[in-house]
Amino acid sequence: MSKTVRFVMVGGFLGAGKTTTLARLARHYMSQGLSVGIVTNDQAADLVDTMSLRSQGFEVGEVAGACFCCRFNDLISTIDQLGLEKAPDVILAEPVGSCTDLVATVIQPLKQLYQAR
């Protein structure tokens, strides 16, 4: 990705409204003329959240099988793939509800990785 992309991660417990919040946030950014990609995450494959967001017309990548911190390389691959295919201005991400300490295990490593590129 050659341009600077805003990365927004929305965390919370199961049923807290993460997917609903992401959809609303995506619509907000799109109403401002920005393109949006979304990354969903859960312990299983073929996520309901992914299907729900895609059915609403959003570009969605999926990291399945474990939390973002345990599948960090898959998160990077998904972000990069969205960047190559869709060139979003904003990437919204929804970690699995059981993912903890997102700043140390996801945000800081992302900052270090993408600042080095």
PDB file of N, CA and C in Angstrom:
ATOM      1  N   MET A   1       0.850  -1.180   0.000  1.00  0.00           N
ATOM      2  CA  MET A   1       0.000   0.000   0.000  1.00  0.00           C
ATOM      3  C   MET A   1       0.891   1.236   0.000  1.00  0.00           C
ATOM      4  N   SER A   2       0.756   2.058  -1.002  1.00  0.00           N
ATOM      5  CA  SER A   2       1.615   3.227  -1.098  1.00  0.00           C
ATOM      6  C   SER A   2       1.037   4.442  -0.378  1.00  0.00           C
ATOM      7  N   LYS A   3      -0.263   4.526  -0.252  1.00  0.00           N
ATOM      8  CA  LYS A   3      -0.856   5.661   0.455  1.00  0.00           C
ATOM      9  C   LYS A   3      -1.048   5.308   1.926  1.00  0.00           C
ATOM     10  N   THR A   4      -1.211   6.327   2.744  1.00  0.00           N
ATOM     11  CA  THR A   4      -1.486   6.103   4.153  1.00  0.00           C
ATOM     12  C   THR A   4      -2.943   5.699   4.309  1.00  0.00           C
ATOM     13  N   VAL A   5      -3.153   4.598   4.991  1.00  0.00           N
ATOM     14  CA  VAL A   5      -4.495   4.064   5.212  1.00  0.00           C
ATOM     15  C   VAL A   5      -4.807   4.152   6.698  1.00  0.00           C
ATOM     16  N   ARG A   6      -5.973   4.657   7.020  1.00  0.00           N
ATOM     17  CA  ARG A   6      -6.413   4.714   8.420  1.00  0.00           C
ATOM     18  C   ARG A   6      -6.889   3.319   8.827  1.00  0.00           C
ATOM     19  N   PHE A   7      -6.438   2.843   9.990  1.00  0.00           N
ATOM     20  CA  PHE A   7      -6.832   1.543  10.519  1.00  0.00           C
ATOM     21  C   PHE A   7      -7.593   1.767  11.815  1.00  0.00           C
ATOM     22  N   VAL A   8      -8.830   1.291  11.867  1.00  0.00           N
ATOM     23  CA  VAL A   8      -9.680   1.454  13.048  1.00  0.00           C
ATOM     24  C   VAL A   8     -10.121   0.067  13.494  1.00  0.00           C
ATOM     25  N   MET A   9      -9.824  -0.281  14.737  1.00  0.00           N
ATOM     26  CA  MET A   9     -10.221  -1.569  15.275  1.00  0.00           C
ATOM     27  C   MET A   9     -11.263  -1.347  16.365  1.00  0.00           C
ATOM     28  N   VAL A  10     -12.372  -2.066  16.261  1.00  0.00           N
ATOM     29  CA  VAL A  10     -13.470  -1.950  17.222  1.00  0.00           C
ATOM     30  C   VAL A  10     -13.557  -3.259  17.999  1.00  0.00           C
ATOM     31  N   GLY A  11     -13.226  -3.212  19.286  1.00  0.00           N
ATOM     32  CA  GLY A  11     -13.261  -4.401  20.122  1.00  0.00           C
ATOM     33  C   GLY A  11     -14.449  -4.387  21.063  1.00  0.00           C
ATOM     34  N   GLY A  12     -14.721  -5.538  21.638  1.00  0.00           N
ATOM     35  CA  GLY A  12     -15.809  -5.664  22.597  1.00  0.00           C
ATOM     36  C   GLY A  12     -16.195  -7.117  22.765  1.00  0.00           C
ATOM     37  N   PHE A  13     -16.986  -7.371  23.774  1.00  0.00           N
ATOM     38  CA  PHE A  13     -17.415  -8.731  24.056  1.00  0.00           C
ATOM     39  C   PHE A  13     -18.429  -9.216  23.029  1.00  0.00           C
ATOM     40  N   LEU A  14     -18.651 -10.522  23.001  1.00  0.00           N
ATOM     41  CA  LEU A  14     -19.642 -11.132  22.132  1.00  0.00           C
ATOM     42  C   LEU A  14     -20.997 -10.474  22.363  1.00  0.00           C
ATOM     43  N   GLY A  15     -21.616  -9.997  21.303  1.00  0.00           N
ATOM     44  CA  GLY A  15     -22.930  -9.370  21.409  1.00  0.00           C
ATOM     45  C   GLY A  15     -22.906  -7.900  21.772  1.00  0.00           C
ATOM     46  N   ALA A  16     -21.717  -7.307  21.837  1.00  0.00           N
ATOM     47  CA  ALA A  16     -21.601  -5.898  22.242  1.00  0.00           C
ATOM     48  C   ALA A  16     -22.023  -4.921  21.145  1.00  0.00           C
ATOM     49  N   GLY A  17     -22.131  -5.403  19.906  1.00  0.00           N
ATOM     50  CA  GLY A  17     -22.528  -4.529  18.805  1.00  0.00           C
ATOM     51  C   GLY A  17     -21.384  -4.123  17.894  1.00  0.00           C
ATOM     52  N   LYS A  18     -20.304  -4.901  17.899  1.00  0.00           N
ATOM     53  CA  LYS A  18     -19.141  -4.567  17.072  1.00  0.00           C
ATOM     54  C   LYS A  18     -19.489  -4.526  15.586  1.00  0.00           C
ATOM     55  N   THR A  19     -20.179  -5.538  15.099  1.00  0.00           N
ATOM     56  CA  THR A  19     -20.505  -5.610  13.673  1.00  0.00           C
ATOM     57  C   THR A  19     -21.435  -4.479  13.267  1.00  0.00           C
ATOM     58  N   THR A  20     -22.423  -4.196  14.083  1.00  0.00           N
ATOM     59  CA  THR A  20     -23.340  -3.083  13.809  1.00  0.00           C
ATOM     60  C   THR A  20     -22.583  -1.765  13.784  1.00  0.00           C
ATOM     61  N   THR A  21     -21.677  -1.586  14.731  1.00  0.00           N
ATOM     62  CA  THR A  21     -20.875  -0.365  14.783  1.00  0.00           C
ATOM     63  C   THR A  21     -19.995  -0.239  13.545  1.00  0.00           C
ATOM     64  N   LEU A  22     -19.365  -1.339  13.129  1.00  0.00           N
ATOM     65  CA  LEU A  22     -18.523  -1.296  11.931  1.00  0.00           C
ATOM     66  C   LEU A  22     -19.327  -0.918  10.694  1.00  0.00           C
ATOM     67  N   ALA A  23     -20.513  -1.496  10.546  1.00  0.00           N
ATOM     68  CA  ALA A  23     -21.349  -1.175   9.384  1.00  0.00           C
ATOM     69  C   ALA A  23     -21.723   0.304   9.383  1.00  0.00           C
ATOM     70  N   ARG A  24     -22.090   0.822  10.531  1.00  0.00           N
ATOM     71  CA  ARG A  24     -22.450   2.249  10.614  1.00  0.00           C
ATOM     72  C   ARG A  24     -21.242   3.142  10.356  1.00  0.00           C
ATOM     73  N   LEU A  25     -20.113   2.767  10.913  1.00  0.00           N
ATOM     74  CA  LEU A  25     -18.893   3.533  10.705  1.00  0.00           C
ATOM     75  C   LEU A  25     -18.474   3.492   9.228  1.00  0.00           C
ATOM     76  N   ALA A  26     -18.592   2.328   8.608  1.00  0.00           N
ATOM     77  CA  ALA A  26     -18.267   2.204   7.182  1.00  0.00           C
ATOM     78  C   ALA A  26     -19.168   3.106   6.346  1.00  0.00           C
ATOM     79  N   ARG A  27     -20.455   3.099   6.643  1.00  0.00           N
ATOM     80  CA  ARG A  27     -21.386   3.977   5.908  1.00  0.00           C
ATOM     81  C   ARG A  27     -21.024   5.448   6.109  1.00  0.00           C
ATOM     82  N   HIS A  28     -20.633   5.807   7.324  1.00  0.00           N
ATOM     83  CA  HIS A  28     -20.230   7.184   7.618  1.00  0.00           C
ATOM     84  C   HIS A  28     -19.027   7.587   6.762  1.00  0.00           C
ATOM     85  N   TYR A  29     -17.992   6.763   6.759  1.00  0.00           N
ATOM     86  CA  TYR A  29     -16.806   7.072   5.954  1.00  0.00           C
ATOM     87  C   TYR A  29     -17.151   7.133   4.467  1.00  0.00           C
ATOM     88  N   MET A  30     -17.979   6.200   4.015  1.00  0.00           N
ATOM     89  CA  MET A  30     -18.357   6.182   2.597  1.00  0.00           C
ATOM     90  C   MET A  30     -19.156   7.426   2.219  1.00  0.00           C
ATOM     91  N   SER A  31     -19.972   7.925   3.140  1.00  0.00           N
ATOM     92  CA  SER A  31     -20.745   9.145   2.861  1.00  0.00           C
ATOM     93  C   SER A  31     -19.832  10.360   2.734  1.00  0.00           C
ATOM     94  N   GLN A  32     -18.603  10.241   3.238  1.00  0.00           N
ATOM     95  CA  GLN A  32     -17.612  11.308   3.114  1.00  0.00           C
ATOM     96  C   GLN A  32     -16.713  11.102   1.892  1.00  0.00           C
ATOM     97  N   GLY A  33     -17.067  10.113   1.072  1.00  0.00           N
ATOM     98  CA  GLY A  33     -16.312   9.862  -0.150  1.00  0.00           C
ATOM     99  C   GLY A  33     -15.090   8.978   0.017  1.00  0.00           C
ATOM    100  N   LEU A  34     -14.959   8.334   1.165  1.00  0.00           N
ATOM    101  CA  LEU A  34     -13.817   7.461   1.413  1.00  0.00           C
ATOM    102  C   LEU A  34     -14.172   6.015   1.083  1.00  0.00           C
ATOM    103  N   SER A  35     -13.201   5.266   0.596  1.00  0.00           N
ATOM    104  CA  SER A  35     -13.418   3.836   0.362  1.00  0.00           C
ATOM    105  C   SER A  35     -13.032   3.078   1.636  1.00  0.00           C
ATOM    106  N   VAL A  36     -13.751   1.988   1.889  1.00  0.00           N
ATOM    107  CA  VAL A  36     -13.611   1.263   3.156  1.00  0.00           C
ATOM    108  C   VAL A  36     -13.439  -0.228   2.897  1.00  0.00           C
ATOM    109  N   GLY A  37     -12.516  -0.843   3.625  1.00  0.00           N
ATOM    110  CA  GLY A  37     -12.385  -2.288   3.686  1.00  0.00           C
ATOM    111  C   GLY A  37     -12.598  -2.719   5.126  1.00  0.00           C
ATOM    112  N   ILE A  38     -13.133  -3.910   5.308  1.00  0.00           N
ATOM    113  CA  ILE A  38     -13.418  -4.412   6.657  1.00  0.00           C
ATOM    114  C   ILE A  38     -12.745  -5.770   6.831  1.00  0.00           C
ATOM    115  N   VAL A  39     -12.185  -6.008   8.020  1.00  0.00           N
ATOM    116  CA  VAL A  39     -11.600  -7.303   8.358  1.00  0.00           C
ATOM    117  C   VAL A  39     -12.347  -7.860   9.565  1.00  0.00           C
ATOM    118  N   THR A  40     -12.921  -9.051   9.396  1.00  0.00           N
ATOM    119  CA  THR A  40     -13.611  -9.721  10.499  1.00  0.00           C
ATOM    120  C   THR A  40     -12.717 -10.829  11.052  1.00  0.00           C
ATOM    121  N   ASN A  41     -13.060 -11.300  12.253  1.00  0.00           N
ATOM    122  CA  ASN A  41     -12.217 -12.265  12.948  1.00  0.00           C
ATOM    123  C   ASN A  41     -13.061 -13.114  13.881  1.00  0.00           C
ATOM    124  N   ASP A  42     -12.800 -14.421  13.879  1.00  0.00           N
ATOM    125  CA  ASP A  42     -13.461 -15.310  14.830  1.00  0.00           C
ATOM    126  C   ASP A  42     -12.700 -16.619  14.897  1.00  0.00           C
ATOM    127  N   GLN A  43     -13.149 -17.500  15.780  1.00  0.00           N
ATOM    128  CA  GLN A  43     -12.502 -18.793  15.969  1.00  0.00           C
ATOM    129  C   GLN A  43     -12.832 -19.777  14.848  1.00  0.00           C
ATOM    130  N   ALA A  44     -13.949 -19.586  14.170  1.00  0.00           N
ATOM    131  CA  ALA A  44     -14.392 -20.505  13.122  1.00  0.00           C
ATOM    132  C   ALA A  44     -14.305 -19.835  11.756  1.00  0.00           C
ATOM    133  N   ALA A  45     -14.414 -20.641  10.699  1.00  0.00           N
ATOM    134  CA  ALA A  45     -14.415 -20.109   9.331  1.00  0.00           C
ATOM    135  C   ALA A  45     -15.845 -19.802   8.896  1.00  0.00           C
ATOM    136  N   ASP A  46     -15.982 -19.137   7.744  1.00  0.00           N
ATOM    137  CA  ASP A  46     -17.293 -18.772   7.190  1.00  0.00           C
ATOM    138  C   ASP A  46     -18.118 -18.004   8.217  1.00  0.00           C
ATOM    139  N   LEU A  47     -17.595 -16.880   8.632  1.00  0.00           N
ATOM    140  CA  LEU A  47     -18.181 -16.100   9.713  1.00  0.00           C
ATOM    141  C   LEU A  47     -19.509 -15.468   9.329  1.00  0.00           C
ATOM    142  N   VAL A  48     -20.444 -15.512  10.246  1.00  0.00           N
ATOM    143  CA  VAL A  48     -21.741 -14.869  10.062  1.00  0.00           C
ATOM    144  C   VAL A  48     -21.547 -13.368   9.872  1.00  0.00           C
ATOM    145  N   ASP A  49     -20.642 -12.774  10.651  1.00  0.00           N
ATOM    146  CA  ASP A  49     -20.383 -11.333  10.526  1.00  0.00           C
ATOM    147  C   ASP A  49     -19.876 -10.986   9.132  1.00  0.00           C
ATOM    148  N   THR A  50     -18.992 -11.820   8.592  1.00  0.00           N
ATOM    149  CA  THR A  50     -18.470 -11.590   7.243  1.00  0.00           C
ATOM    150  C   THR A  50     -19.602 -11.617   6.230  1.00  0.00           C
ATOM    151  N   MET A  51     -20.430 -12.645   6.301  1.00  0.00           N
ATOM    152  CA  MET A  51     -21.548 -12.772   5.356  1.00  0.00           C
ATOM    153  C   MET A  51     -22.525 -11.615   5.498  1.00  0.00           C
ATOM    154  N   SER A  52     -22.804 -11.213   6.733  1.00  0.00           N
ATOM    155  CA  SER A  52     -23.724 -10.101   6.975  1.00  0.00           C
ATOM    156  C   SER A  52     -23.193  -8.811   6.362  1.00  0.00           C
ATOM    157  N   LEU A  53     -21.923  -8.518   6.591  1.00  0.00           N
ATOM    158  CA  LEU A  53     -21.332  -7.284   6.066  1.00  0.00           C
ATOM    159  C   LEU A  53     -21.235  -7.316   4.543  1.00  0.00           C
ATOM    160  N   ARG A  54     -20.881  -8.469   3.980  1.00  0.00           N
ATOM    161  CA  ARG A  54     -20.832  -8.585   2.510  1.00  0.00           C
ATOM    162  C   ARG A  54     -22.212  -8.399   1.899  1.00  0.00           C
ATOM    163  N   SER A  55     -23.237  -8.929   2.567  1.00  0.00           N
ATOM    164  CA  SER A  55     -24.601  -8.785   2.037  1.00  0.00           C
ATOM    165  C   SER A  55     -25.064  -7.332   2.050  1.00  0.00           C
ATOM    166  N   GLN A  56     -24.399  -6.507   2.861  1.00  0.00           N
ATOM    167  CA  GLN A  56     -24.703  -5.079   2.897  1.00  0.00           C
ATOM    168  C   GLN A  56     -23.858  -4.298   1.886  1.00  0.00           C
ATOM    169  N   GLY A  57     -23.040  -5.018   1.109  1.00  0.00           N
ATOM    170  CA  GLY A  57     -22.268  -4.393   0.048  1.00  0.00           C
ATOM    171  C   GLY A  57     -20.863  -3.963   0.412  1.00  0.00           C
ATOM    172  N   PHE A  58     -20.372  -4.368   1.568  1.00  0.00           N
ATOM    173  CA  PHE A  58     -19.032  -3.970   1.991  1.00  0.00           C
ATOM    174  C   PHE A  58     -17.980  -4.955   1.488  1.00  0.00           C
ATOM    175  N   GLU A  59     -16.758  -4.450   1.269  1.00  0.00           N
ATOM    176  CA  GLU A  59     -15.605  -5.284   0.938  1.00  0.00           C
ATOM    177  C   GLU A  59     -15.059  -5.833   2.249  1.00  0.00           C
ATOM    178  N   VAL A  60     -15.059  -7.161   2.389  1.00  0.00           N
ATOM    179  CA  VAL A  60     -14.702  -7.766   3.672  1.00  0.00           C
ATOM    180  C   VAL A  60     -13.656  -8.857   3.484  1.00  0.00           C
ATOM    181  N   GLY A  61     -12.597  -8.787   4.288  1.00  0.00           N
ATOM    182  CA  GLY A  61     -11.627  -9.863   4.409  1.00  0.00           C
ATOM    183  C   GLY A  61     -11.849 -10.547   5.747  1.00  0.00           C
ATOM    184  N   GLU A  62     -11.372 -11.775   5.860  1.00  0.00           N
ATOM    185  CA  GLU A  62     -11.666 -12.564   7.056  1.00  0.00           C
ATOM    186  C   GLU A  62     -10.389 -13.210   7.590  1.00  0.00           C
ATOM    187  N   VAL A  63     -10.219 -13.149   8.899  1.00  0.00           N
ATOM    188  CA  VAL A  63      -9.150 -13.877   9.584  1.00  0.00           C
ATOM    189  C   VAL A  63      -9.855 -14.846  10.524  1.00  0.00           C
ATOM    190  N   ALA A  64      -9.831 -16.129  10.166  1.00  0.00           N
ATOM    191  CA  ALA A  64     -10.572 -17.126  10.937  1.00  0.00           C
ATOM    192  C   ALA A  64      -9.612 -18.102  11.608  1.00  0.00           C
ATOM    193  N   GLY A  65     -10.085 -18.754  12.644  1.00  0.00           N
ATOM    194  CA  GLY A  65      -9.334 -19.805  13.300  1.00  0.00           C
ATOM    195  C   GLY A  65      -8.700 -19.427  14.620  1.00  0.00           C
ATOM    196  N   ALA A  66      -8.562 -18.146  14.893  1.00  0.00           N
ATOM    197  CA  ALA A  66      -7.996 -17.659  16.159  1.00  0.00           C
ATOM    198  C   ALA A  66      -8.061 -16.140  16.142  1.00  0.00           C
ATOM    199  N   CYS A  67      -7.693 -15.522  17.251  1.00  0.00           N
ATOM    200  CA  CYS A  67      -7.737 -14.060  17.354  1.00  0.00           C
ATOM    201  C   CYS A  67      -6.654 -13.414  16.486  1.00  0.00           C
ATOM    202  N   PHE A  68      -6.768 -12.112  16.258  1.00  0.00           N
ATOM    203  CA  PHE A  68      -5.793 -11.379  15.450  1.00  0.00           C
ATOM    204  C   PHE A  68      -4.366 -11.574  15.954  1.00  0.00           C
ATOM    205  N   CYS A  69      -4.190 -11.544  17.283  1.00  0.00           N
ATOM    206  CA  CYS A  69      -2.824 -11.650  17.812  1.00  0.00           C
ATOM    207  C   CYS A  69      -2.233 -13.037  17.555  1.00  0.00           C
ATOM    208  N   CYS A  70      -3.053 -14.074  17.572  1.00  0.00           N
ATOM    209  CA  CYS A  70      -2.565 -15.432  17.307  1.00  0.00           C
ATOM    210  C   CYS A  70      -2.411 -15.705  15.814  1.00  0.00           C
ATOM    211  N   ARG A  71      -3.128 -14.958  14.994  1.00  0.00           N
ATOM    212  CA  ARG A  71      -3.056 -15.103  13.528  1.00  0.00           C
ATOM    213  C   ARG A  71      -2.585 -13.788  12.910  1.00  0.00           C
ATOM    214  N   PHE A  72      -1.570 -13.183  13.522  1.00  0.00           N
ATOM    215  CA  PHE A  72      -1.112 -11.857  13.110  1.00  0.00           C
ATOM    216  C   PHE A  72      -0.685 -11.834  11.641  1.00  0.00           C
ATOM    217  N   ASN A  73       0.028 -12.860  11.199  1.00  0.00           N
ATOM    218  CA  ASN A  73       0.451 -12.897   9.798  1.00  0.00           C
ATOM    219  C   ASN A  73      -0.742 -12.963   8.850  1.00  0.00           C
ATOM    220  N   ASP A  74      -1.795 -13.663   9.250  1.00  0.00           N
ATOM    221  CA  ASP A  74      -3.014 -13.703   8.435  1.00  0.00           C
ATOM    222  C   ASP A  74      -3.685 -12.335   8.400  1.00  0.00           C
ATOM    223  N   LEU A  75      -3.645 -11.623   9.525  1.00  0.00           N
ATOM    224  CA  LEU A  75      -4.193 -10.264   9.559  1.00  0.00           C
ATOM    225  C   LEU A  75      -3.434  -9.376   8.576  1.00  0.00           C
ATOM    226  N   ILE A  76      -2.112  -9.452   8.592  1.00  0.00           N
ATOM    227  CA  ILE A  76      -1.292  -8.650   7.679  1.00  0.00           C
ATOM    228  C   ILE A  76      -1.618  -9.006   6.231  1.00  0.00           C
ATOM    229  N   SER A  77      -1.707 -10.291   5.933  1.00  0.00           N
ATOM    230  CA  SER A  77      -2.030 -10.727   4.567  1.00  0.00           C
ATOM    231  C   SER A  77      -3.389 -10.210   4.125  1.00  0.00           C
ATOM    232  N   THR A  78      -4.358 -10.245   5.028  1.00  0.00           N
ATOM    233  CA  THR A  78      -5.709  -9.777   4.707  1.00  0.00           C
ATOM    234  C   THR A  78      -5.719  -8.272   4.483  1.00  0.00           C
ATOM    235  N   ILE A  79      -5.030  -7.530   5.336  1.00  0.00           N
ATOM    236  CA  ILE A  79      -4.928  -6.077   5.169  1.00  0.00           C
ATOM    237  C   ILE A  79      -4.253  -5.756   3.837  1.00  0.00           C
ATOM    238  N   ASP A  80      -3.149  -6.442   3.552  1.00  0.00           N
ATOM    239  CA  ASP A  80      -2.429  -6.194   2.303  1.00  0.00           C
ATOM    240  C   ASP A  80      -3.284  -6.545   1.085  1.00  0.00           C
ATOM    241  N   GLN A  81      -4.020  -7.650   1.170  1.00  0.00           N
ATOM    242  CA  GLN A  81      -4.880  -8.057   0.049  1.00  0.00           C
ATOM    243  C   GLN A  81      -5.970  -7.021  -0.203  1.00  0.00           C
ATOM    244  N   LEU A  82      -6.610  -6.548   0.864  1.00  0.00           N
ATOM    245  CA  LEU A  82      -7.611  -5.482   0.707  1.00  0.00           C
ATOM    246  C   LEU A  82      -6.971  -4.249   0.083  1.00  0.00           C
ATOM    247  N   GLY A  83      -5.761  -3.945   0.514  1.00  0.00           N
ATOM    248  CA  GLY A  83      -5.055  -2.781  -0.011  1.00  0.00           C
ATOM    249  C   GLY A  83      -4.743  -2.902  -1.484  1.00  0.00           C
ATOM    250  N   LEU A  84      -4.335  -4.085  -1.908  1.00  0.00           N
ATOM    251  CA  LEU A  84      -4.003  -4.299  -3.316  1.00  0.00           C
ATOM    252  C   LEU A  84      -5.242  -4.319  -4.197  1.00  0.00           C
ATOM    253  N   GLU A  85      -6.284  -4.989  -3.734  1.00  0.00           N
ATOM    254  CA  GLU A  85      -7.479  -5.161  -4.560  1.00  0.00           C
ATOM    255  C   GLU A  85      -8.392  -3.945  -4.546  1.00  0.00           C
ATOM    256  N   LYS A  86      -8.546  -3.309  -3.401  1.00  0.00           N
ATOM    257  CA  LYS A  86      -9.565  -2.264  -3.259  1.00  0.00           C
ATOM    258  C   LYS A  86      -9.007  -0.883  -2.960  1.00  0.00           C
ATOM    259  N   ALA A  87      -7.750  -0.810  -2.550  1.00  0.00           N
ATOM    260  CA  ALA A  87      -7.107   0.462  -2.193  1.00  0.00           C
ATOM    261  C   ALA A  87      -7.981   1.323  -1.280  1.00  0.00           C
ATOM    262  N   PRO A  88      -8.409   0.771  -0.130  1.00  0.00           N
ATOM    263  CA  PRO A  88      -9.281   1.549   0.756  1.00  0.00           C
ATOM    264  C   PRO A  88      -8.546   2.708   1.427  1.00  0.00           C
ATOM    265  N   ASP A  89      -9.310   3.733   1.744  1.00  0.00           N
ATOM    266  CA  ASP A  89      -8.789   4.842   2.542  1.00  0.00           C
ATOM    267  C   ASP A  89      -8.791   4.475   4.020  1.00  0.00           C
ATOM    268  N   VAL A  90      -9.739   3.610   4.389  1.00  0.00           N
ATOM    269  CA  VAL A  90      -9.923   3.208   5.783  1.00  0.00           C
ATOM    270  C   VAL A  90     -10.105   1.695   5.830  1.00  0.00           C
ATOM    271  N   ILE A  91      -9.433   1.044   6.776  1.00  0.00           N
ATOM    272  CA  ILE A  91      -9.684  -0.366   7.052  1.00  0.00           C
ATOM    273  C   ILE A  91     -10.245  -0.455   8.460  1.00  0.00           C
ATOM    274  N   LEU A  92     -11.433  -1.035   8.558  1.00  0.00           N
ATOM    275  CA  LEU A  92     -12.083  -1.262   9.843  1.00  0.00           C
ATOM    276  C   LEU A  92     -11.883  -2.724  10.206  1.00  0.00           C
ATOM    277  N   ALA A  93     -11.573  -3.011  11.453  1.00  0.00           N
ATOM    278  CA  ALA A  93     -11.317  -4.384  11.870  1.00  0.00           C
ATOM    279  C   ALA A  93     -12.098  -4.714  13.128  1.00  0.00           C
ATOM    280  N   GLU A  94     -12.597  -5.935  13.154  1.00  0.00           N
ATOM    281  CA  GLU A  94     -13.392  -6.419  14.285  1.00  0.00           C
ATOM    282  C   GLU A  94     -12.746  -7.674  14.859  1.00  0.00           C
ATOM    283  N   PRO A  95     -11.966  -7.555  15.932  1.00  0.00           N
ATOM    284  CA  PRO A  95     -11.359  -8.741  16.530  1.00  0.00           C
ATOM    285  C   PRO A  95     -12.400  -9.581  17.265  1.00  0.00           C
ATOM    286  N   VAL A  96     -12.092 -10.857  17.400  1.00  0.00           N
ATOM    287  CA  VAL A  96     -12.956 -11.754  18.155  1.00  0.00           C
ATOM    288  C   VAL A  96     -13.121 -11.198  19.574  1.00  0.00           C
ATOM    289  N   GLY A  97     -14.289 -11.406  20.158  1.00  0.00           N
ATOM    290  CA  GLY A  97     -14.604 -10.828  21.464  1.00  0.00           C
ATOM    291  C   GLY A  97     -13.678 -11.243  22.588  1.00  0.00           C
ATOM    292  N   SER A  98     -13.007 -12.392  22.447  1.00  0.00           N
ATOM    293  CA  SER A  98     -12.124 -12.870  23.515  1.00  0.00           C
ATOM    294  C   SER A  98     -10.699 -12.343  23.390  1.00  0.00           C
ATOM    295  N   CYS A  99     -10.418 -11.593  22.356  1.00  0.00           N
ATOM    296  CA  CYS A  99      -9.069 -11.048  22.137  1.00  0.00           C
ATOM    297  C   CYS A  99      -8.788  -9.964  23.183  1.00  0.00           C
ATOM    298  N   THR A 100      -7.663 -10.082  23.873  1.00  0.00           N
ATOM    299  CA  THR A 100      -7.325  -9.119  24.924  1.00  0.00           C
ATOM    300  C   THR A 100      -6.020  -8.403  24.606  1.00  0.00           C
ATOM    301  N   ASP A 101      -5.799  -7.299  25.259  1.00  0.00           N
ATOM    302  CA  ASP A 101      -4.603  -6.473  25.113  1.00  0.00           C
ATOM    303  C   ASP A 101      -4.270  -6.202  23.650  1.00  0.00           C
ATOM    304  N   LEU A 102      -5.254  -5.687  22.941  1.00  0.00           N
ATOM    305  CA  LEU A 102      -5.116  -5.421  21.511  1.00  0.00           C
ATOM    306  C   LEU A 102      -4.032  -4.396  21.195  1.00  0.00           C
ATOM    307  N   VAL A 103      -3.803  -3.471  22.094  1.00  0.00           N
ATOM    308  CA  VAL A 103      -2.778  -2.453  21.837  1.00  0.00           C
ATOM    309  C   VAL A 103      -1.402  -3.117  21.743  1.00  0.00           C
ATOM    310  N   ALA A 104      -1.075  -3.960  22.712  1.00  0.00           N
ATOM    311  CA  ALA A 104       0.248  -4.592  22.742  1.00  0.00           C
ATOM    312  C   ALA A 104       0.408  -5.674  21.682  1.00  0.00           C
ATOM    313  N   THR A 105      -0.648  -6.425  21.408  1.00  0.00           N
ATOM    314  CA  THR A 105      -0.511  -7.597  20.541  1.00  0.00           C
ATOM    315  C   THR A 105      -0.881  -7.352  19.083  1.00  0.00           C
ATOM    316  N   VAL A 106      -1.578  -6.258  18.799  1.00  0.00           N
ATOM    317  CA  VAL A 106      -1.995  -5.990  17.416  1.00  0.00           C
ATOM    318  C   VAL A 106      -1.604  -4.580  16.967  1.00  0.00           C
ATOM    319  N   ILE A 107      -2.031  -3.565  17.694  1.00  0.00           N
ATOM    320  CA  ILE A 107      -1.816  -2.178  17.255  1.00  0.00           C
ATOM    321  C   ILE A 107      -0.331  -1.823  17.185  1.00  0.00           C
ATOM    322  N   GLN A 108       0.421  -2.063  18.254  1.00  0.00           N
ATOM    323  CA  GLN A 108       1.846  -1.712  18.245  1.00  0.00           C
ATOM    324  C   GLN A 108       2.625  -2.478  17.173  1.00  0.00           C
ATOM    325  N   PRO A 109       2.417  -3.806  17.042  1.00  0.00           N
ATOM    326  CA  PRO A 109       3.109  -4.508  15.955  1.00  0.00           C
ATOM    327  C   PRO A 109       2.719  -3.992  14.560  1.00  0.00           C
ATOM    328  N   LEU A 110       1.449  -3.616  14.365  1.00  0.00           N
ATOM    329  CA  LEU A 110       1.041  -3.042  13.076  1.00  0.00           C
ATOM    330  C   LEU A 110       1.768  -1.729  12.812  1.00  0.00           C
ATOM    331  N   LYS A 111       1.835  -0.878  13.833  1.00  0.00           N
ATOM    332  CA  LYS A 111       2.542   0.401  13.680  1.00  0.00           C
ATOM    333  C   LYS A 111       3.997   0.168  13.290  1.00  0.00           C
ATOM    334  N   GLN A 112       4.650  -0.742  14.001  1.00  0.00           N
ATOM    335  CA  GLN A 112       6.059  -1.014  13.715  1.00  0.00           C
ATOM    336  C   GLN A 112       6.245  -1.570  12.306  1.00  0.00           C
ATOM    337  N   LEU A 113       5.389  -2.484  11.915  1.00  0.00           N
ATOM    338  CA  LEU A 113       5.505  -3.111  10.602  1.00  0.00           C
ATOM    339  C   LEU A 113       5.286  -2.111   9.474  1.00  0.00           C
ATOM    340  N   TYR A 114       4.214  -1.342   9.564  1.00  0.00           N
ATOM    341  CA  TYR A 114       3.882  -0.448   8.457  1.00  0.00           C
ATOM    342  C   TYR A 114       4.727   0.818   8.444  1.00  0.00           C
ATOM    343  N   GLN A 115       5.294   1.208   9.574  1.00  0.00           N
ATOM    344  CA  GLN A 115       6.239   2.328   9.565  1.00  0.00           C
ATOM    345  C   GLN A 115       7.547   1.911   8.910  1.00  0.00           C
ATOM    346  N   ALA A 116       7.885   0.626   9.005  1.00  0.00           N
ATOM    347  CA  ALA A 116       9.119   0.120   8.409  1.00  0.00           C
ATOM    348  C   ALA A 116       9.000  -0.049   6.894  1.00  0.00           C
ATOM    349  N   ARG A 117       7.781  -0.092   6.375  1.00  0.00           N
ATOM    350  CA  ARG A 117       7.587  -0.321   4.927  1.00  0.00           C
ATOM    351  C   ARG A 117       7.758   0.935   4.143  1.00  0.00           C
TER     352      ARG A 117
END
